[in-house]
Each structure stands twice: as structure tokens, then as C-alpha cells.
């Protein structure tokens, strides 16, 4: 494999891992929704995160495999297209998970 292909694969793998780690980075918030701790760290929160992960997993694999087979002369265009598709998939997954988490949202009295 050429050096540029390895660099692009490493960069994409880093971005994909960051997207998979997204639910773990927000403390008391679950996909942008403030939920009680027992929900966030309980069975309901785990189920929402699991659905998000399972939704992203096949797309992650497809994007990485696609980058292996893209010709080197097209590597930047292929990487851009793969990441654009993956961004759309991630945003949809986040929106679906956000809608699921809203059922458990803390009610604000402001």
C-alpha cells in the first residue's frame, strides 16, 4: 500500500472512531438531550447508544473497505465522497437517537 493510502485510511479510521465515541463524550446529555442519570447510564440509555452504534457499524466498514479499492489517483475524491456519505449517515443516526432520547428528557421549569 502506498503511503498516501495508509494516511487516508488512518485519518478516516480516526474520524469514524470519533463518531462512534460521540455518545460517551457528553456527560449527563444523551445525544444532546438532558436526561436523568439513571436513564443515561441505565438500560434505556444503553439501548439508545447500542442502536446508534449498530446503525453506524456497517457504514463504517463499507467506507473503510471502499477506500482500500479506490485507485490511488482518485484517493482524495474517494475519501471526500466516503466521508460525505458517512457524515450524512451519522447525522441521520444522531437525529434518530436524539428523538429516542427526548422521551426521557428532563422537563425544564423556566
C-alpha atoms as a PDB file:
ATOM      1  CA  UNK A   1       0.000   0.000   0.000  1.00  0.00           C
ATOM      2  CA  UNK A   2       1.209   3.459  -0.756  1.00  0.00           C
ATOM      3  CA  UNK A   3       1.950   5.940   1.992  1.00  0.00           C
ATOM      4  CA  UNK A   4      -0.885   8.240   0.947  1.00  0.00           C
ATOM      5  CA  UNK A   5      -3.425   5.413   1.115  1.00  0.00           C
ATOM      6  CA  UNK A   6      -2.255   4.488   4.621  1.00  0.00           C
ATOM      7  CA  UNK A   7      -2.511   8.138   5.701  1.00  0.00           C
ATOM      8  CA  UNK A   8      -6.040   8.496   4.289  1.00  0.00           C
ATOM      9  CA  UNK A   9      -7.162   5.207   5.881  1.00  0.00           C
ATOM     10  CA  UNK A  10      -5.715   6.257   9.255  1.00  0.00           C
ATOM     11  CA  UNK A  11      -7.429   9.649   9.025  1.00  0.00           C
ATOM     12  CA  UNK A  12     -10.765   8.062   8.121  1.00  0.00           C
ATOM     13  CA  UNK A  13     -10.411   5.464  10.883  1.00  0.00           C
ATOM     14  CA  UNK A  14      -9.774   8.259  13.397  1.00  0.00           C
ATOM     15  CA  UNK A  15     -12.867  10.185  12.246  1.00  0.00           C
ATOM     16  CA  UNK A  16     -15.025   7.062  12.292  1.00  0.00           C
ATOM     17  CA  UNK A  17     -13.855   6.164  15.805  1.00  0.00           C
ATOM     18  CA  UNK A  18     -14.647   9.713  16.910  1.00  0.00           C
ATOM     19  CA  UNK A  19     -18.186   9.369  15.570  1.00  0.00           C
ATOM     20  CA  UNK A  20     -18.617   6.069  17.409  1.00  0.00           C
ATOM     21  CA  UNK A  21     -17.345   7.661  20.646  1.00  0.00           C
ATOM     22  CA  UNK A  22     -19.741  10.610  20.358  1.00  0.00           C
ATOM     23  CA  UNK A  23     -22.384   9.313  22.825  1.00  0.00           C
ATOM     24  CA  UNK A  24     -19.738   8.843  25.534  1.00  0.00           C
ATOM     25  CA  UNK A  25     -18.445  12.412  25.428  1.00  0.00           C
ATOM     26  CA  UNK A  26     -21.410  14.377  26.760  1.00  0.00           C
ATOM     27  CA  UNK A  27     -21.724  13.546  30.464  1.00  0.00           C
ATOM     28  CA  UNK A  28     -25.378  13.849  31.509  1.00  0.00           C
ATOM     29  CA  UNK A  29     -26.572  14.548  27.992  1.00  0.00           C
ATOM     30  CA  UNK A  30     -27.595  11.723  25.707  1.00  0.00           C
ATOM     31  CA  UNK A  31     -27.408  12.837  22.066  1.00  0.00           C
ATOM     32  CA  UNK A  32     -27.862  16.457  23.108  1.00  0.00           C
ATOM     33  CA  UNK A  33     -30.814  15.792  25.419  1.00  0.00           C
ATOM     34  CA  UNK A  34     -30.531  16.295  29.178  1.00  0.00           C
ATOM     35  CA  UNK A  35     -31.753  13.056  30.758  1.00  0.00           C
ATOM     36  CA  UNK A  36     -31.663  11.800  34.363  1.00  0.00           C
ATOM     37  CA  UNK A  37     -28.571   9.813  35.385  1.00  0.00           C
ATOM     38  CA  UNK A  38     -30.401   6.508  35.882  1.00  0.00           C
ATOM     39  CA  UNK A  39     -31.770   6.766  32.347  1.00  0.00           C
ATOM     40  CA  UNK A  40     -28.465   7.919  30.790  1.00  0.00           C
ATOM     41  CA  UNK A  41     -26.418   5.166  32.395  1.00  0.00           C
ATOM     42  CA  UNK A  42     -29.217   2.606  32.661  1.00  0.00           C
ATOM     43  CA  UNK A  43     -30.849   0.141  30.328  1.00  0.00           C
ATOM     44  CA  UNK A  44     -32.717   2.757  28.288  1.00  0.00           C
ATOM     45  CA  UNK A  45     -29.600   4.837  27.587  1.00  0.00           C
ATOM     46  CA  UNK A  46     -27.588   1.743  26.716  1.00  0.00           C
ATOM     47  CA  UNK A  47     -30.291   0.642  24.270  1.00  0.00           C
ATOM     48  CA  UNK A  48     -30.289   4.016  22.501  1.00  0.00           C
ATOM     49  CA  UNK A  49     -26.479   4.002  22.236  1.00  0.00           C
ATOM     50  CA  UNK A  50     -26.477   0.394  21.011  1.00  0.00           C
ATOM     51  CA  UNK A  51     -28.955   1.217  18.220  1.00  0.00           C
ATOM     52  CA  UNK A  52     -26.797   4.186  17.187  1.00  0.00           C
ATOM     53  CA  UNK A  53     -23.659   2.022  17.142  1.00  0.00           C
ATOM     54  CA  UNK A  54     -25.328  -0.773  15.179  1.00  0.00           C
ATOM     55  CA  UNK A  55     -26.664   1.753  12.679  1.00  0.00           C
ATOM     56  CA  UNK A  56     -23.184   3.214  12.075  1.00  0.00           C
ATOM     57  CA  UNK A  57     -21.194  -0.038  12.081  1.00  0.00           C
ATOM     58  CA  UNK A  58     -21.980  -1.339   8.552  1.00  0.00           C
ATOM     59  CA  UNK A  59     -21.443   2.118   7.051  1.00  0.00           C
ATOM     60  CA  UNK A  60     -18.099   2.401   8.850  1.00  0.00           C
ATOM     61  CA  UNK A  61     -16.934  -0.893   7.415  1.00  0.00           C
ATOM     62  CA  UNK A  62     -18.153  -0.034   3.901  1.00  0.00           C
ATOM     63  CA  UNK A  63     -16.355   3.336   3.923  1.00  0.00           C
ATOM     64  CA  UNK A  64     -13.058   1.809   5.039  1.00  0.00           C
ATOM     65  CA  UNK A  65     -13.264  -1.066   2.564  1.00  0.00           C
ATOM     66  CA  UNK A  66     -14.171   1.329  -0.243  1.00  0.00           C
ATOM     67  CA  UNK A  67     -11.016   3.319   0.447  1.00  0.00           C
ATOM     68  CA  UNK A  68      -8.915   0.177   0.005  1.00  0.00           C
ATOM     69  CA  UNK A  69     -10.240  -0.373  -3.516  1.00  0.00           C
ATOM     70  CA  UNK A  70     -10.280   3.221  -4.777  1.00  0.00           C
ATOM     71  CA  UNK A  71      -7.435   3.777  -7.270  1.00  0.00           C
ATOM     72  CA  UNK A  72      -4.604   5.859  -5.849  1.00  0.00           C
ATOM     73  CA  UNK A  73      -5.127   8.585  -8.435  1.00  0.00           C
ATOM     74  CA  UNK A  74      -8.709   9.021  -7.127  1.00  0.00           C
ATOM     75  CA  UNK A  75      -7.900   8.679  -3.420  1.00  0.00           C
ATOM     76  CA  UNK A  76      -8.757  12.264  -2.415  1.00  0.00           C
ATOM     77  CA  UNK A  77     -12.016  12.306  -4.340  1.00  0.00           C
ATOM     78  CA  UNK A  78     -12.895   8.866  -2.973  1.00  0.00           C
ATOM     79  CA  UNK A  79     -12.094   9.909   0.588  1.00  0.00           C
ATOM     80  CA  UNK A  80     -14.195  13.042   0.220  1.00  0.00           C
ATOM     81  CA  UNK A  81     -17.143  11.088  -1.148  1.00  0.00           C
ATOM     82  CA  UNK A  82     -16.857   8.386   1.510  1.00  0.00           C
ATOM     83  CA  UNK A  83     -16.723  10.943   4.317  1.00  0.00           C
ATOM     84  CA  UNK A  84     -19.660  12.893   2.860  1.00  0.00           C
ATOM     85  CA  UNK A  85     -21.760   9.724   2.814  1.00  0.00           C
ATOM     86  CA  UNK A  86     -20.618   8.841   6.322  1.00  0.00           C
ATOM     87  CA  UNK A  87     -21.432  12.344   7.583  1.00  0.00           C
ATOM     88  CA  UNK A  88     -24.980  12.066   6.228  1.00  0.00           C
ATOM     89  CA  UNK A  89     -25.378   8.633   7.842  1.00  0.00           C
ATOM     90  CA  UNK A  90     -24.016   9.918  11.171  1.00  0.00           C
ATOM     91  CA  UNK A  91     -26.329  12.937  11.184  1.00  0.00           C
ATOM     92  CA  UNK A  92     -29.318  10.702  10.499  1.00  0.00           C
ATOM     93  CA  UNK A  93     -28.263   8.285  13.240  1.00  0.00           C
ATOM     94  CA  UNK A  94     -27.784  11.182  15.659  1.00  0.00           C
ATOM     95  CA  UNK A  95     -31.226  12.596  14.794  1.00  0.00           C
ATOM     96  CA  UNK A  96     -32.938   9.239  15.344  1.00  0.00           C
ATOM     97  CA  UNK A  97     -31.094   8.732  18.655  1.00  0.00           C
ATOM     98  CA  UNK A  98     -31.949  12.292  19.709  1.00  0.00           C
ATOM     99  CA  UNK A  99     -35.641  11.613  19.049  1.00  0.00           C
ATOM    100  CA  UNK A 100     -35.414   8.421  21.121  1.00  0.00           C
ATOM    101  CA  UNK A 101     -33.702  10.247  23.993  1.00  0.00           C
ATOM    102  CA  UNK A 102     -36.321  13.025  24.032  1.00  0.00           C
ATOM    103  CA  UNK A 103     -38.807  10.576  25.528  1.00  0.00           C
ATOM    104  CA  UNK A 104     -36.716  10.615  28.715  1.00  0.00           C
ATOM    105  CA  UNK A 105     -35.834  14.327  28.772  1.00  0.00           C
ATOM    106  CA  UNK A 106     -35.759  16.311  31.994  1.00  0.00           C
ATOM    107  CA  UNK A 107     -38.558  18.875  31.996  1.00  0.00           C
ATOM    108  CA  UNK A 108     -37.345  22.454  32.442  1.00  0.00           C
ATOM    109  CA  UNK A 109     -39.423  24.815  34.590  1.00  0.00           C
ATOM    110  CA  UNK A 110     -38.202  28.086  33.111  1.00  0.00           C
END
